[in-house]
Amino acid sequence: MFGLGLPEIIVIAIIILLIFGAKRLPIIGESLGKTVKEIRNAKKEISSIGKSDAKKEVGGSNESEDQPSESDRVDTVQKKMTKQFTDKFIEQIPGIKQAKQLKDKADKINKIIS
């Protein structure tokens, strides 16, 4: 994927071992595994939410003149899924939550100034 061969991976592993120590490596591995599992679960959850939203929107009324096209509905569902996904992770990671709040305030100030 990144063009790393066995020698490079061994060097990286030795550096990580030296930085963190042998006692903390199992804890780091466990927390990394939990993080990957949480990300996969969130991805599945958001995917299922998006599919149910898409079914609701597609299965709605058949007024063809006033209804948005299929691509517009897919775009809307994707935007909802992306927002739900980011909101969920922003709530779980404290530093990112504060950064997002600061960015939102800066955007509001920028709109007022413009």
C-alpha atoms as a PDB file:
ATOM      1  CA  MET A   1       0.000   0.000   0.000  1.00  0.00           C
ATOM      2  CA  PHE A   2       2.714   2.485   0.956  1.00  0.00           C
ATOM      3  CA  GLY A   3       5.579   0.592  -0.639  1.00  0.00           C
ATOM      4  CA  LEU A   4       6.830  -0.699   2.701  1.00  0.00           C
ATOM      5  CA  GLY A   5       8.787  -3.890   2.646  1.00  0.00           C
ATOM      6  CA  LEU A   6       9.698  -6.222   5.486  1.00  0.00           C
ATOM      7  CA  PRO A   7      12.885  -4.334   6.464  1.00  0.00           C
ATOM      8  CA  GLU A   8      11.013  -1.024   6.758  1.00  0.00           C
ATOM      9  CA  ILE A   9       8.265  -2.609   8.862  1.00  0.00           C
ATOM     10  CA  ILE A  10      10.863  -4.172  11.174  1.00  0.00           C
ATOM     11  CA  VAL A  11      12.592  -0.798  11.637  1.00  0.00           C
ATOM     12  CA  ILE A  12       9.254   0.875  12.410  1.00  0.00           C
ATOM     13  CA  ALA A  13       8.389  -1.886  14.903  1.00  0.00           C
ATOM     14  CA  ILE A  14      11.751  -1.461  16.661  1.00  0.00           C
ATOM     15  CA  ILE A  15      11.277   2.310  16.882  1.00  0.00           C
ATOM     16  CA  ILE A  16       7.779   1.856  18.319  1.00  0.00           C
ATOM     17  CA  LEU A  17       9.141  -0.673  20.815  1.00  0.00           C
ATOM     18  CA  LEU A  18      11.838   1.764  21.903  1.00  0.00           C
ATOM     19  CA  ILE A  19       9.420   4.684  22.228  1.00  0.00           C
ATOM     20  CA  PHE A  20       6.593   2.963  24.086  1.00  0.00           C
ATOM     21  CA  GLY A  21       8.320   0.029  25.760  1.00  0.00           C
ATOM     22  CA  ALA A  22       7.341  -3.610  25.894  1.00  0.00           C
ATOM     23  CA  LYS A  23       4.907  -3.169  28.799  1.00  0.00           C
ATOM     24  CA  ARG A  24       2.701  -0.661  27.023  1.00  0.00           C
ATOM     25  CA  LEU A  25       2.569  -2.301  23.581  1.00  0.00           C
ATOM     26  CA  PRO A  26      -0.241  -4.761  24.465  1.00  0.00           C
ATOM     27  CA  ILE A  27      -2.331  -1.892  25.847  1.00  0.00           C
ATOM     28  CA  ILE A  28      -1.726   0.167  22.712  1.00  0.00           C
ATOM     29  CA  GLY A  29      -2.610  -2.802  20.500  1.00  0.00           C
ATOM     30  CA  GLU A  30      -5.795  -3.455  22.442  1.00  0.00           C
ATOM     31  CA  SER A  31      -6.925   0.167  22.242  1.00  0.00           C
ATOM     32  CA  LEU A  32      -6.078   0.270  18.540  1.00  0.00           C
ATOM     33  CA  GLY A  33      -8.162  -2.867  17.979  1.00  0.00           C
ATOM     34  CA  LYS A  34     -11.097  -1.360  19.879  1.00  0.00           C
ATOM     35  CA  THR A  35     -10.843   1.807  17.807  1.00  0.00           C
ATOM     36  CA  VAL A  36     -10.893  -0.130  14.538  1.00  0.00           C
ATOM     37  CA  LYS A  37     -13.878  -2.149  15.784  1.00  0.00           C
ATOM     38  CA  GLU A  38     -15.760   1.050  16.737  1.00  0.00           C
ATOM     39  CA  ILE A  39     -15.081   2.570  13.324  1.00  0.00           C
ATOM     40  CA  ARG A  40     -16.365  -0.559  11.572  1.00  0.00           C
ATOM     41  CA  ASN A  41     -19.488  -0.641  13.748  1.00  0.00           C
ATOM     42  CA  ALA A  42     -20.165   3.044  13.102  1.00  0.00           C
ATOM     43  CA  LYS A  43     -19.681   2.529   9.375  1.00  0.00           C
ATOM     44  CA  LYS A  44     -22.172  -0.362   9.371  1.00  0.00           C
ATOM     45  CA  GLU A  45     -24.648   1.647  11.451  1.00  0.00           C
ATOM     46  CA  ILE A  46     -24.440   4.692   9.210  1.00  0.00           C
ATOM     47  CA  SER A  47     -24.671   2.526   6.118  1.00  0.00           C
ATOM     48  CA  SER A  48     -27.840   0.893   7.418  1.00  0.00           C
ATOM     49  CA  ILE A  49     -29.301   4.308   8.306  1.00  0.00           C
ATOM     50  CA  GLY A  50     -28.513   5.551   4.804  1.00  0.00           C
ATOM     51  CA  LYS A  51     -30.088   2.521   3.187  1.00  0.00           C
ATOM     52  CA  SER A  52     -33.258   2.910   5.245  1.00  0.00           C
ATOM     53  CA  ASP A  53     -33.396   6.640   4.387  1.00  0.00           C
ATOM     54  CA  ALA A  54     -32.924   5.830   0.713  1.00  0.00           C
ATOM     55  CA  LYS A  55     -35.722   3.260   0.834  1.00  0.00           C
ATOM     56  CA  LYS A  56     -38.027   5.765   2.534  1.00  0.00           C
ATOM     57  CA  GLU A  57     -37.289   8.434  -0.048  1.00  0.00           C
ATOM     58  CA  VAL A  58     -37.533   6.075  -3.023  1.00  0.00           C
ATOM     59  CA  GLY A  59     -40.629   4.359  -1.673  1.00  0.00           C
ATOM     60  CA  GLY A  60     -42.484   7.665  -1.215  1.00  0.00           C
ATOM     61  CA  SER A  61     -45.218   9.098  -3.415  1.00  0.00           C
ATOM     62  CA  ASN A  62     -44.945   8.906  -7.187  1.00  0.00           C
ATOM     63  CA  GLU A  63     -45.449  12.584  -8.107  1.00  0.00           C
ATOM     64  CA  SER A  64     -42.805  12.755 -10.831  1.00  0.00           C
ATOM     65  CA  GLU A  65     -43.001  16.518 -11.496  1.00  0.00           C
ATOM     66  CA  ASP A  66     -42.388  17.651  -7.903  1.00  0.00           C
ATOM     67  CA  GLN A  67     -40.094  14.804  -6.823  1.00  0.00           C
ATOM     68  CA  PRO A  68     -36.321  15.221  -7.113  1.00  0.00           C
ATOM     69  CA  SER A  69     -34.420  12.920  -9.429  1.00  0.00           C
ATOM     70  CA  GLU A  70     -32.776   9.709  -8.232  1.00  0.00           C
ATOM     71  CA  SER A  71     -29.314  11.298  -8.205  1.00  0.00           C
ATOM     72  CA  ASP A  72     -30.611  14.207  -6.081  1.00  0.00           C
ATOM     73  CA  ARG A  73     -32.066  11.745  -3.581  1.00  0.00           C
ATOM     74  CA  VAL A  74     -28.811   9.787  -3.456  1.00  0.00           C
ATOM     75  CA  ASP A  75     -26.870  13.040  -2.894  1.00  0.00           C
ATOM     76  CA  THR A  76     -29.241  14.011  -0.082  1.00  0.00           C
ATOM     77  CA  VAL A  77     -28.881  10.613   1.585  1.00  0.00           C
ATOM     78  CA  GLN A  78     -25.089  10.759   1.256  1.00  0.00           C
ATOM     79  CA  LYS A  79     -25.008  14.220   2.822  1.00  0.00           C
ATOM     80  CA  LYS A  80     -27.185  13.019   5.718  1.00  0.00           C
ATOM     81  CA  MET A  81     -24.966   9.960   6.223  1.00  0.00           C
ATOM     82  CA  THR A  82     -21.800  12.046   6.154  1.00  0.00           C
ATOM     83  CA  LYS A  83     -23.228  14.530   8.665  1.00  0.00           C
ATOM     84  CA  GLN A  84     -24.405  11.751  10.992  1.00  0.00           C
ATOM     85  CA  PHE A  85     -21.041  10.006  10.746  1.00  0.00           C
ATOM     86  CA  THR A  86     -19.026  13.134  11.478  1.00  0.00           C
ATOM     87  CA  ASP A  87     -21.350  14.246  14.261  1.00  0.00           C
ATOM     88  CA  LYS A  88     -21.028  10.869  15.971  1.00  0.00           C
ATOM     89  CA  PHE A  89     -17.233  10.915  15.905  1.00  0.00           C
ATOM     90  CA  ILE A  90     -17.021  14.574  16.862  1.00  0.00           C
ATOM     91  CA  GLU A  91     -19.038  13.813  19.987  1.00  0.00           C
ATOM     92  CA  GLN A  92     -16.697  10.946  20.901  1.00  0.00           C
ATOM     93  CA  ILE A  93     -13.422  12.836  20.485  1.00  0.00           C
ATOM     94  CA  PRO A  94     -13.223  15.829  22.862  1.00  0.00           C
ATOM     95  CA  GLY A  95     -10.440  17.780  21.111  1.00  0.00           C
ATOM     96  CA  ILE A  96     -12.201  17.667  17.773  1.00  0.00           C
ATOM     97  CA  LYS A  97     -15.484  18.744  19.355  1.00  0.00           C
ATOM     98  CA  GLN A  98     -13.926  21.952  20.710  1.00  0.00           C
ATOM     99  CA  ALA A  99     -12.141  22.586  17.404  1.00  0.00           C
ATOM    100  CA  LYS A 100     -15.424  22.245  15.512  1.00  0.00           C
ATOM    101  CA  GLN A 101     -17.130  24.636  17.916  1.00  0.00           C
ATOM    102  CA  LEU A 102     -14.355  27.187  17.380  1.00  0.00           C
ATOM    103  CA  LYS A 103     -14.592  26.757  13.613  1.00  0.00           C
ATOM    104  CA  ASP A 104     -18.369  27.272  13.719  1.00  0.00           C
ATOM    105  CA  LYS A 105     -17.934  30.466  15.743  1.00  0.00           C
ATOM    106  CA  ALA A 106     -15.252  31.699  13.345  1.00  0.00           C
ATOM    107  CA  ASP A 107     -17.551  30.984  10.383  1.00  0.00           C
ATOM    108  CA  LYS A 108     -20.374  32.962  12.034  1.00  0.00           C
ATOM    109  CA  ILE A 109     -18.042  35.895  12.672  1.00  0.00           C
ATOM    110  CA  ASN A 110     -16.787  35.688   9.098  1.00  0.00           C
ATOM    111  CA  LYS A 111     -20.377  35.831   7.783  1.00  0.00           C
ATOM    112  CA  ILE A 112     -21.098  38.871   9.949  1.00  0.00           C
ATOM    113  CA  ILE A 113     -17.966  40.647   8.741  1.00  0.00           C
ATOM    114  CA  SER A 114     -18.569  39.843   5.048  1.00  0.00           C
END
